[in-house]
Amino acid sequence: MWIPAYFIDVCLSGLLRTTSRLESENAMFNKLVTKQLSLVEFSMRYDCAIEIQWDNQSALDHANSSLVPQLRTNWDLEKHARRLYTHRNFYVFLERTMLI
């Protein structure tokens, strides 16, 4: 658990991957690949899957930048966390600091 945090400033070109990321990639490729698939068909499916992921990421980025989570308190720490974290991580922060 500590390794990604320790190497956060070191560029390792994706060498450190979590199990959930690998499982997610495997799930995506299992939807794309069959034994009968030609290379051209795989390439087309892969491009389509990447485009869908980019669209989903763009929608999430837009939602995260345009919507502002509601503050539970008037504390400066909570205001700072709201600016610093994504929505999901902000709510995790609130739960762990018992501000909710």
PDB file of N, CA and C in Angstrom:
ATOM      1  N   MET A   1       0.821  -1.201   0.000  1.00  0.00           N
ATOM      2  CA  MET A   1       0.000   0.000   0.000  1.00  0.00           C
ATOM      3  C   MET A   1       0.867   1.268   0.000  1.00  0.00           C
ATOM      4  N   TRP A   2       2.024   1.236   0.629  1.00  0.00           N
ATOM      5  CA  TRP A   2       2.839   2.442   0.751  1.00  0.00           C
ATOM      6  C   TRP A   2       3.675   2.710  -0.490  1.00  0.00           C
ATOM      7  N   ILE A   3       3.904   1.717  -1.323  1.00  0.00           N
ATOM      8  CA  ILE A   3       4.818   1.871  -2.452  1.00  0.00           C
ATOM      9  C   ILE A   3       4.377   2.962  -3.431  1.00  0.00           C
ATOM     10  N   PRO A   4       3.107   2.999  -3.893  1.00  0.00           N
ATOM     11  CA  PRO A   4       2.729   4.081  -4.813  1.00  0.00           C
ATOM     12  C   PRO A   4       2.896   5.471  -4.197  1.00  0.00           C
ATOM     13  N   ALA A   5       2.617   5.609  -2.907  1.00  0.00           N
ATOM     14  CA  ALA A   5       2.780   6.912  -2.260  1.00  0.00           C
ATOM     15  C   ALA A   5       4.253   7.291  -2.173  1.00  0.00           C
ATOM     16  N   TYR A   6       5.111   6.323  -1.908  1.00  0.00           N
ATOM     17  CA  TYR A   6       6.540   6.589  -1.779  1.00  0.00           C
ATOM     18  C   TYR A   6       7.152   7.012  -3.115  1.00  0.00           C
ATOM     19  N   PHE A   7       6.684   6.418  -4.207  1.00  0.00           N
ATOM     20  CA  PHE A   7       7.238   6.697  -5.528  1.00  0.00           C
ATOM     21  C   PHE A   7       6.394   7.672  -6.335  1.00  0.00           C
ATOM     22  N   ILE A   8       5.566   8.482  -5.689  1.00  0.00           N
ATOM     23  CA  ILE A   8       4.649   9.373  -6.401  1.00  0.00           C
ATOM     24  C   ILE A   8       5.381  10.376  -7.296  1.00  0.00           C
ATOM     25  N   ASP A   9       6.589  10.792  -6.902  1.00  0.00           N
ATOM     26  CA  ASP A   9       7.336  11.775  -7.682  1.00  0.00           C
ATOM     27  C   ASP A   9       8.303  11.150  -8.680  1.00  0.00           C
ATOM     28  N   VAL A  10       8.336   9.821  -8.762  1.00  0.00           N
ATOM     29  CA  VAL A  10       9.259   9.124  -9.647  1.00  0.00           C
ATOM     30  C   VAL A  10       8.483   8.577 -10.840  1.00  0.00           C
ATOM     31  N   CYS A  11       8.939   8.894 -12.049  1.00  0.00           N
ATOM     32  CA  CYS A  11       8.284   8.393 -13.253  1.00  0.00           C
ATOM     33  C   CYS A  11       8.716   6.952 -13.497  1.00  0.00           C
ATOM     34  N   LEU A  12       7.759   6.037 -13.366  1.00  0.00           N
ATOM     35  CA  LEU A  12       8.064   4.622 -13.570  1.00  0.00           C
ATOM     36  C   LEU A  12       7.303   4.045 -14.759  1.00  0.00           C
ATOM     37  N   SER A  13       6.703   4.890 -15.561  1.00  0.00           N
ATOM     38  CA  SER A  13       6.010   4.494 -16.791  1.00  0.00           C
ATOM     39  C   SER A  13       5.014   3.360 -16.584  1.00  0.00           C
ATOM     40  N   GLY A  14       4.238   3.436 -15.530  1.00  0.00           N
ATOM     41  CA  GLY A  14       3.183   2.454 -15.309  1.00  0.00           C
ATOM     42  C   GLY A  14       3.644   1.140 -14.714  1.00  0.00           C
ATOM     43  N   LEU A  15       4.871   1.067 -14.205  1.00  0.00           N
ATOM     44  CA  LEU A  15       5.340  -0.186 -13.622  1.00  0.00           C
ATOM     45  C   LEU A  15       4.611  -0.548 -12.331  1.00  0.00           C
ATOM     46  N   LEU A  16       4.186   0.460 -11.583  1.00  0.00           N
ATOM     47  CA  LEU A  16       3.443   0.207 -10.346  1.00  0.00           C
ATOM     48  C   LEU A  16       1.958   0.251 -10.651  1.00  0.00           C
ATOM     49  N   ARG A  17       1.317  -0.887 -10.617  1.00  0.00           N
ATOM     50  CA  ARG A  17      -0.108  -0.955 -10.905  1.00  0.00           C
ATOM     51  C   ARG A  17      -0.800  -1.699  -9.783  1.00  0.00           C
ATOM     52  N   THR A  18      -1.977  -1.254  -9.476  1.00  0.00           N
ATOM     53  CA  THR A  18      -2.743  -1.942  -8.449  1.00  0.00           C
ATOM     54  C   THR A  18      -3.508  -3.096  -9.076  1.00  0.00           C
ATOM     55  N   THR A  19      -3.910  -4.016  -8.251  1.00  0.00           N
ATOM     56  CA  THR A  19      -4.664  -5.180  -8.722  1.00  0.00           C
ATOM     57  C   THR A  19      -5.970  -4.754  -9.361  1.00  0.00           C
ATOM     58  N   SER A  20      -6.632  -3.761  -8.793  1.00  0.00           N
ATOM     59  CA  SER A  20      -7.914  -3.337  -9.350  1.00  0.00           C
ATOM     60  C   SER A  20      -7.753  -2.764 -10.753  1.00  0.00           C
ATOM     61  N   ARG A  21      -6.663  -2.054 -11.006  1.00  0.00           N
ATOM     62  CA  ARG A  21      -6.429  -1.544 -12.357  1.00  0.00           C
ATOM     63  C   ARG A  21      -6.204  -2.681 -13.332  1.00  0.00           C
ATOM     64  N   LEU A  22      -5.455  -3.689 -12.910  1.00  0.00           N
ATOM     65  CA  LEU A  22      -5.214  -4.827 -13.788  1.00  0.00           C
ATOM     66  C   LEU A  22      -6.513  -5.589 -14.049  1.00  0.00           C
ATOM     67  N   GLU A  23      -7.325  -5.748 -13.026  1.00  0.00           N
ATOM     68  CA  GLU A  23      -8.607  -6.427 -13.204  1.00  0.00           C
ATOM     69  C   GLU A  23      -9.513  -5.642 -14.148  1.00  0.00           C
ATOM     70  N   SER A  24      -9.469  -4.335 -14.043  1.00  0.00           N
ATOM     71  CA  SER A  24     -10.268  -3.496 -14.925  1.00  0.00           C
ATOM     72  C   SER A  24      -9.806  -3.645 -16.375  1.00  0.00           C
ATOM     73  N   GLU A  25      -8.505  -3.640 -16.581  1.00  0.00           N
ATOM     74  CA  GLU A  25      -7.967  -3.830 -17.928  1.00  0.00           C
ATOM     75  C   GLU A  25      -8.334  -5.210 -18.467  1.00  0.00           C
ATOM     76  N   ASN A  26      -8.217  -6.233 -17.642  1.00  0.00           N
ATOM     77  CA  ASN A  26      -8.581  -7.587 -18.080  1.00  0.00           C
ATOM     78  C   ASN A  26     -10.047  -7.655 -18.470  1.00  0.00           C
ATOM     79  N   ALA A  27     -10.910  -7.017 -17.700  1.00  0.00           N
ATOM     80  CA  ALA A  27     -12.340  -7.018 -18.020  1.00  0.00           C
ATOM     81  C   ALA A  27     -12.587  -6.336 -19.357  1.00  0.00           C
ATOM     82  N   MET A  28     -11.887  -5.229 -19.603  1.00  0.00           N
ATOM     83  CA  MET A  28     -12.054  -4.525 -20.874  1.00  0.00           C
ATOM     84  C   MET A  28     -11.595  -5.401 -22.039  1.00  0.00           C
ATOM     85  N   PHE A  29     -10.421  -6.028 -21.916  1.00  0.00           N
ATOM     86  CA  PHE A  29      -9.909  -6.851 -23.009  1.00  0.00           C
ATOM     87  C   PHE A  29     -10.738  -8.112 -23.215  1.00  0.00           C
ATOM     88  N   ASN A  30     -11.308  -8.669 -22.152  1.00  0.00           N
ATOM     89  CA  ASN A  30     -12.164  -9.848 -22.310  1.00  0.00           C
ATOM     90  C   ASN A  30     -13.403  -9.527 -23.133  1.00  0.00           C
ATOM     91  N   LYS A  31     -13.873  -8.283 -23.062  1.00  0.00           N
ATOM     92  CA  LYS A  31     -15.012  -7.874 -23.888  1.00  0.00           C
ATOM     93  C   LYS A  31     -14.609  -7.695 -25.354  1.00  0.00           C
ATOM     94  N   LEU A  32     -13.363  -7.372 -25.598  1.00  0.00           N
ATOM     95  CA  LEU A  32     -12.889  -7.091 -26.953  1.00  0.00           C
ATOM     96  C   LEU A  32     -12.438  -8.324 -27.717  1.00  0.00           C
ATOM     97  N   VAL A  33     -11.869  -9.296 -27.034  1.00  0.00           N
ATOM     98  CA  VAL A  33     -11.129 -10.355 -27.694  1.00  0.00           C
ATOM     99  C   VAL A  33     -11.914 -11.669 -27.712  1.00  0.00           C
ATOM    100  N   THR A  34     -11.931 -12.276 -28.881  1.00  0.00           N
ATOM    101  CA  THR A  34     -12.389 -13.656 -29.042  1.00  0.00           C
ATOM    102  C   THR A  34     -11.382 -14.369 -29.922  1.00  0.00           C
ATOM    103  N   LYS A  35     -11.421 -15.678 -29.934  1.00  0.00           N
ATOM    104  CA  LYS A  35     -10.464 -16.451 -30.739  1.00  0.00           C
ATOM    105  C   LYS A  35     -10.653 -16.224 -32.231  1.00  0.00           C
ATOM    106  N   GLN A  36     -11.871 -15.923 -32.648  1.00  0.00           N
ATOM    107  CA  GLN A  36     -12.158 -15.763 -34.066  1.00  0.00           C
ATOM    108  C   GLN A  36     -11.878 -14.352 -34.579  1.00  0.00           C
ATOM    109  N   LEU A  37     -11.486 -13.449 -33.745  1.00  0.00           N
ATOM    110  CA  LEU A  37     -11.322 -12.047 -34.106  1.00  0.00           C
ATOM    111  C   LEU A  37     -10.067 -11.815 -34.940  1.00  0.00           C
ATOM    112  N   SER A  38     -10.226 -11.088 -36.026  1.00  0.00           N
ATOM    113  CA  SER A  38      -9.052 -10.732 -36.834  1.00  0.00           C
ATOM    114  C   SER A  38      -8.367  -9.520 -36.211  1.00  0.00           C
ATOM    115  N   LEU A  39      -7.164  -9.262 -36.651  1.00  0.00           N
ATOM    116  CA  LEU A  39      -6.402  -8.129 -36.130  1.00  0.00           C
ATOM    117  C   LEU A  39      -7.098  -6.806 -36.448  1.00  0.00           C
ATOM    118  N   VAL A  40      -7.671  -6.702 -37.631  1.00  0.00           N
ATOM    119  CA  VAL A  40      -8.375  -5.482 -38.035  1.00  0.00           C
ATOM    120  C   VAL A  40      -9.600  -5.259 -37.143  1.00  0.00           C
ATOM    121  N   GLU A  41     -10.360  -6.324 -36.897  1.00  0.00           N
ATOM    122  CA  GLU A  41     -11.543  -6.209 -36.033  1.00  0.00           C
ATOM    123  C   GLU A  41     -11.141  -5.840 -34.609  1.00  0.00           C
ATOM    124  N   PHE A  42     -10.057  -6.457 -34.110  1.00  0.00           N
ATOM    125  CA  PHE A  42      -9.573  -6.112 -32.781  1.00  0.00           C
ATOM    126  C   PHE A  42      -9.189  -4.646 -32.710  1.00  0.00           C
ATOM    127  N   SER A  43      -8.475  -4.161 -33.719  1.00  0.00           N
ATOM    128  CA  SER A  43      -8.047  -2.768 -33.747  1.00  0.00           C
ATOM    129  C   SER A  43      -9.246  -1.815 -33.732  1.00  0.00           C
ATOM    130  N   MET A  44     -10.267  -2.154 -34.494  1.00  0.00           N
ATOM    131  CA  MET A  44     -11.462  -1.308 -34.529  1.00  0.00           C
ATOM    132  C   MET A  44     -12.172  -1.312 -33.175  1.00  0.00           C
ATOM    133  N   ARG A  45     -12.304  -2.494 -32.581  1.00  0.00           N
ATOM    134  CA  ARG A  45     -12.945  -2.590 -31.262  1.00  0.00           C
ATOM    135  C   ARG A  45     -12.137  -1.857 -30.199  1.00  0.00           C
ATOM    136  N   TYR A  46     -10.819  -1.997 -30.281  1.00  0.00           N
ATOM    137  CA  TYR A  46      -9.945  -1.337 -29.316  1.00  0.00           C
ATOM    138  C   TYR A  46     -10.079   0.181 -29.415  1.00  0.00           C
ATOM    139  N   ASP A  47     -10.050   0.703 -30.634  1.00  0.00           N
ATOM    140  CA  ASP A  47     -10.211   2.148 -30.828  1.00  0.00           C
ATOM    141  C   ASP A  47     -11.547   2.634 -30.276  1.00  0.00           C
ATOM    142  N   CYS A  48     -12.593   1.875 -30.498  1.00  0.00           N
ATOM    143  CA  CYS A  48     -13.914   2.231 -29.995  1.00  0.00           C
ATOM    144  C   CYS A  48     -13.930   2.223 -28.462  1.00  0.00           C
ATOM    145  N   ALA A  49     -13.319   1.224 -27.859  1.00  0.00           N
ATOM    146  CA  ALA A  49     -13.282   1.131 -26.392  1.00  0.00           C
ATOM    147  C   ALA A  49     -12.502   2.296 -25.796  1.00  0.00           C
ATOM    148  N   ILE A  50     -11.391   2.652 -26.420  1.00  0.00           N
ATOM    149  CA  ILE A  50     -10.593   3.788 -25.929  1.00  0.00           C
ATOM    150  C   ILE A  50     -11.390   5.086 -26.054  1.00  0.00           C
ATOM    151  N   GLU A  51     -12.102   5.254 -27.154  1.00  0.00           N
ATOM    152  CA  GLU A  51     -12.916   6.458 -27.336  1.00  0.00           C
ATOM    153  C   GLU A  51     -14.013   6.548 -26.274  1.00  0.00           C
ATOM    154  N   ILE A  52     -14.635   5.425 -25.956  1.00  0.00           N
ATOM    155  CA  ILE A  52     -15.665   5.410 -24.908  1.00  0.00           C
ATOM    156  C   ILE A  52     -15.051   5.786 -23.567  1.00  0.00           C
ATOM    157  N   GLN A  53     -13.857   5.259 -23.273  1.00  0.00           N
ATOM    158  CA  GLN A  53     -13.195   5.607 -22.012  1.00  0.00           C
ATOM    159  C   GLN A  53     -12.849   7.093 -21.968  1.00  0.00           C
ATOM    160  N   TRP A  54     -12.385   7.657 -23.071  1.00  0.00           N
ATOM    161  CA  TRP A  54     -12.072   9.092 -23.115  1.00  0.00           C
ATOM    162  C   TRP A  54     -13.334   9.929 -22.889  1.00  0.00           C
ATOM    163  N   ASP A  55     -14.435   9.521 -23.518  1.00  0.00           N
ATOM    164  CA  ASP A  55     -15.698  10.239 -23.327  1.00  0.00           C
ATOM    165  C   ASP A  55     -16.157  10.186 -21.880  1.00  0.00           C
ATOM    166  N   ASN A  56     -16.063   8.999 -21.273  1.00  0.00           N
ATOM    167  CA  ASN A  56     -16.438   8.866 -19.861  1.00  0.00           C
ATOM    168  C   ASN A  56     -15.551   9.725 -18.973  1.00  0.00           C
ATOM    169  N   GLN A  57     -14.249   9.720 -19.256  1.00  0.00           N
ATOM    170  CA  GLN A  57     -13.322  10.525 -18.458  1.00  0.00           C
ATOM    171  C   GLN A  57     -13.614  12.015 -18.625  1.00  0.00           C
ATOM    172  N   SER A  58     -13.920  12.437 -19.839  1.00  0.00           N
ATOM    173  CA  SER A  58     -14.243  13.849 -20.081  1.00  0.00           C
ATOM    174  C   SER A  58     -15.500  14.262 -19.330  1.00  0.00           C
ATOM    175  N   ALA A  59     -16.512  13.387 -19.317  1.00  0.00           N
ATOM    176  CA  ALA A  59     -17.749  13.694 -18.592  1.00  0.00           C
ATOM    177  C   ALA A  59     -17.481  13.792 -17.095  1.00  0.00           C
ATOM    178  N   LEU A  60     -16.664  12.893 -16.560  1.00  0.00           N
ATOM    179  CA  LEU A  60     -16.330  12.945 -15.137  1.00  0.00           C
ATOM    180  C   LEU A  60     -15.511  14.183 -14.799  1.00  0.00           C
ATOM    181  N   ASP A  61     -14.561  14.531 -15.674  1.00  0.00           N
ATOM    182  CA  ASP A  61     -13.757  15.739 -15.459  1.00  0.00           C
ATOM    183  C   ASP A  61     -14.639  16.985 -15.452  1.00  0.00           C
ATOM    184  N   HIS A  62     -15.583  17.043 -16.380  1.00  0.00           N
ATOM    185  CA  HIS A  62     -16.486  18.183 -16.445  1.00  0.00           C
ATOM    186  C   HIS A  62     -17.346  18.274 -15.183  1.00  0.00           C
ATOM    187  N   ALA A  63     -17.887  17.144 -14.767  1.00  0.00           N
ATOM    188  CA  ALA A  63     -18.724  17.138 -13.556  1.00  0.00           C
ATOM    189  C   ALA A  63     -17.905  17.552 -12.344  1.00  0.00           C
ATOM    190  N   ASN A  64     -16.667  17.098 -12.277  1.00  0.00           N
ATOM    191  CA  ASN A  64     -15.826  17.424 -11.129  1.00  0.00           C
ATOM    192  C   ASN A  64     -15.427  18.896 -11.118  1.00  0.00           C
ATOM    193  N   SER A  65     -15.253  19.494 -12.281  1.00  0.00           N
ATOM    194  CA  SER A  65     -14.818  20.891 -12.317  1.00  0.00           C
ATOM    195  C   SER A  65     -15.983  21.872 -12.232  1.00  0.00           C
ATOM    196  N   SER A  66     -17.184  21.447 -12.627  1.00  0.00           N
ATOM    197  CA  SER A  66     -18.296  22.388 -12.658  1.00  0.00           C
ATOM    198  C   SER A  66     -19.194  22.314 -11.418  1.00  0.00           C
ATOM    199  N   LEU A  67     -19.198  21.195 -10.735  1.00  0.00           N
ATOM    200  CA  LEU A  67     -20.011  21.057  -9.534  1.00  0.00           C
ATOM    201  C   LEU A  67     -19.131  21.190  -8.303  1.00  0.00           C
ATOM    202  N   VAL A  68     -19.655  21.821  -7.276  1.00  0.00           N
ATOM    203  CA  VAL A  68     -18.894  22.028  -6.052  1.00  0.00           C
ATOM    204  C   VAL A  68     -19.596  21.304  -4.911  1.00  0.00           C
ATOM    205  N   PRO A  69     -18.881  20.419  -4.208  1.00  0.00           N
ATOM    206  CA  PRO A  69     -19.511  19.733  -3.078  1.00  0.00           C
ATOM    207  C   PRO A  69     -19.922  20.722  -1.981  1.00  0.00           C
ATOM    208  N   GLN A  70     -21.007  20.407  -1.320  1.00  0.00           N
ATOM    209  CA  GLN A  70     -21.494  21.251  -0.228  1.00  0.00           C
ATOM    210  C   GLN A  70     -20.612  21.075   1.005  1.00  0.00           C
ATOM    211  N   LEU A  71     -20.323  22.173   1.668  1.00  0.00           N
ATOM    212  CA  LEU A  71     -19.558  22.121   2.908  1.00  0.00           C
ATOM    213  C   LEU A  71     -20.470  21.730   4.061  1.00  0.00           C
ATOM    214  N   ARG A  72     -19.936  20.926   4.974  1.00  0.00           N
ATOM    215  CA  ARG A  72     -20.694  20.518   6.158  1.00  0.00           C
ATOM    216  C   ARG A  72     -20.431  21.449   7.336  1.00  0.00           C
ATOM    217  N   THR A  73     -19.244  22.063   7.322  1.00  0.00           N
ATOM    218  CA  THR A  73     -18.861  22.996   8.389  1.00  0.00           C
ATOM    219  C   THR A  73     -18.325  24.264   7.738  1.00  0.00           C
ATOM    220  N   ASN A  74     -17.904  25.190   8.527  1.00  0.00           N
ATOM    221  CA  ASN A  74     -17.303  26.422   8.016  1.00  0.00           C
ATOM    222  C   ASN A  74     -15.796  26.427   8.281  1.00  0.00           C
ATOM    223  N   TRP A  75     -15.225  25.261   8.500  1.00  0.00           N
ATOM    224  CA  TRP A  75     -13.809  25.152   8.815  1.00  0.00           C
ATOM    225  C   TRP A  75     -12.949  25.397   7.579  1.00  0.00           C
ATOM    226  N   ASP A  76     -11.824  26.056   7.783  1.00  0.00           N
ATOM    227  CA  ASP A  76     -10.895  26.312   6.688  1.00  0.00           C
ATOM    228  C   ASP A  76     -10.328  25.014   6.114  1.00  0.00           C
ATOM    229  N   LEU A  77     -10.123  24.031   6.976  1.00  0.00           N
ATOM    230  CA  LEU A  77      -9.600  22.738   6.520  1.00  0.00           C
ATOM    231  C   LEU A  77     -10.546  22.097   5.510  1.00  0.00           C
ATOM    232  N   GLU A  78     -11.830  22.153   5.766  1.00  0.00           N
ATOM    233  CA  GLU A  78     -12.803  21.572   4.846  1.00  0.00           C
ATOM    234  C   GLU A  78     -12.842  22.356   3.531  1.00  0.00           C
ATOM    235  N   LYS A  79     -12.755  23.665   3.604  1.00  0.00           N
ATOM    236  CA  LYS A  79     -12.739  24.487   2.388  1.00  0.00           C
ATOM    237  C   LYS A  79     -11.511  24.168   1.535  1.00  0.00           C
ATOM    238  N   HIS A  80     -10.372  24.000   2.202  1.00  0.00           N
ATOM    239  CA  HIS A  80      -9.140  23.674   1.490  1.00  0.00           C
ATOM    240  C   HIS A  80      -9.244  22.290   0.845  1.00  0.00           C
ATOM    241  N   ALA A  81      -9.790  21.329   1.566  1.00  0.00           N
ATOM    242  CA  ALA A  81      -9.946  19.964   1.029  1.00  0.00           C
ATOM    243  C   ALA A  81     -10.885  19.958  -0.170  1.00  0.00           C
ATOM    244  N   ARG A  82     -11.910  20.779  -0.143  1.00  0.00           N
ATOM    245  CA  ARG A  82     -12.851  20.846  -1.268  1.00  0.00           C
ATOM    246  C   ARG A  82     -12.146  21.340  -2.540  1.00  0.00           C
ATOM    247  N   ARG A  83     -11.229  22.284  -2.394  1.00  0.00           N
ATOM    248  CA  ARG A  83     -10.474  22.777  -3.550  1.00  0.00           C
ATOM    249  C   ARG A  83      -9.421  21.760  -4.012  1.00  0.00           C
ATOM    250  N   LEU A  84      -8.871  21.009  -3.076  1.00  0.00           N
ATOM    251  CA  LEU A  84      -7.747  20.131  -3.357  1.00  0.00           C
ATOM    252  C   LEU A  84      -8.149  18.791  -3.950  1.00  0.00           C
ATOM    253  N   TYR A  85      -9.204  18.175  -3.418  1.00  0.00           N
ATOM    254  CA  TYR A  85      -9.564  16.803  -3.773  1.00  0.00           C
ATOM    255  C   TYR A  85     -10.645  16.737  -4.848  1.00  0.00           C
ATOM    256  N   THR A  86     -10.705  15.570  -5.502  1.00  0.00           N
ATOM    257  CA  THR A  86     -11.840  15.276  -6.372  1.00  0.00           C
ATOM    258  C   THR A  86     -13.057  15.084  -5.480  1.00  0.00           C
ATOM    259  N   HIS A  87     -14.240  15.052  -6.059  1.00  0.00           N
ATOM    260  CA  HIS A  87     -15.462  14.907  -5.257  1.00  0.00           C
ATOM    261  C   HIS A  87     -15.424  13.639  -4.420  1.00  0.00           C
ATOM    262  N   ARG A  88     -15.072  12.544  -5.047  1.00  0.00           N
ATOM    263  CA  ARG A  88     -15.048  11.265  -4.333  1.00  0.00           C
ATOM    264  C   ARG A  88     -14.074  11.310  -3.167  1.00  0.00           C
ATOM    265  N   ASN A  89     -12.860  11.803  -3.431  1.00  0.00           N
ATOM    266  CA  ASN A  89     -11.855  11.865  -2.364  1.00  0.00           C
ATOM    267  C   ASN A  89     -12.225  12.885  -1.301  1.00  0.00           C
ATOM    268  N   PHE A  90     -12.936  13.927  -1.679  1.00  0.00           N
ATOM    269  CA  PHE A  90     -13.387  14.906  -0.696  1.00  0.00           C
ATOM    270  C   PHE A  90     -14.343  14.255   0.305  1.00  0.00           C
ATOM    271  N   TYR A  91     -15.274  13.441  -0.192  1.00  0.00           N
ATOM    272  CA  TYR A  91     -16.217  12.777   0.710  1.00  0.00           C
ATOM    273  C   TYR A  91     -15.526  11.705   1.553  1.00  0.00           C
ATOM    274  N   VAL A  92     -14.517  11.045   0.995  1.00  0.00           N
ATOM    275  CA  VAL A  92     -13.721  10.106   1.795  1.00  0.00           C
ATOM    276  C   VAL A  92     -13.015  10.872   2.910  1.00  0.00           C
ATOM    277  N   PHE A  93     -12.448  12.020   2.564  1.00  0.00           N
ATOM    278  CA  PHE A  93     -11.797  12.874   3.564  1.00  0.00           C
ATOM    279  C   PHE A  93     -12.771  13.256   4.671  1.00  0.00           C
ATOM    280  N   LEU A  94     -13.978  13.652   4.296  1.00  0.00           N
ATOM    281  CA  LEU A  94     -14.959  14.041   5.300  1.00  0.00           C
ATOM    282  C   LEU A  94     -15.312  12.879   6.225  1.00  0.00           C
ATOM    283  N   GLU A  95     -15.480  11.705   5.646  1.00  0.00           N
ATOM    284  CA  GLU A  95     -15.812  10.536   6.460  1.00  0.00           C
ATOM    285  C   GLU A  95     -14.685  10.199   7.425  1.00  0.00           C
ATOM    286  N   ARG A  96     -13.481  10.259   6.941  1.00  0.00           N
ATOM    287  CA  ARG A  96     -12.323   9.858   7.784  1.00  0.00           C
ATOM    288  C   ARG A  96     -12.005  10.902   8.844  1.00  0.00           C
ATOM    289  N   THR A  97     -12.334  12.139   8.597  1.00  0.00           N
ATOM    290  CA  THR A  97     -12.089  13.179   9.603  1.00  0.00           C
ATOM    291  C   THR A  97     -13.322  13.428  10.445  1.00  0.00           C
ATOM    292  N   MET A  98     -14.363  12.655  10.192  1.00  0.00           N
ATOM    293  CA  MET A  98     -15.637  12.729  10.923  1.00  0.00           C
ATOM    294  C   MET A  98     -16.291  14.116  10.817  1.00  0.00           C
ATOM    295  N   LEU A  99     -16.136  14.745   9.668  1.00  0.00           N
ATOM    296  CA  LEU A  99     -16.794  16.016   9.442  1.00  0.00           C
ATOM    297  C   LEU A  99     -18.206  15.797   8.905  1.00  0.00           C
ATOM    298  N   ILE A 100     -18.544  14.560   8.557  1.00  0.00           N
ATOM    299  CA  ILE A 100     -19.915  14.266   8.110  1.00  0.00           C
ATOM    300  C   ILE A 100     -20.716  13.798   9.305  1.00  0.00           C
TER     301      ILE A 100
END
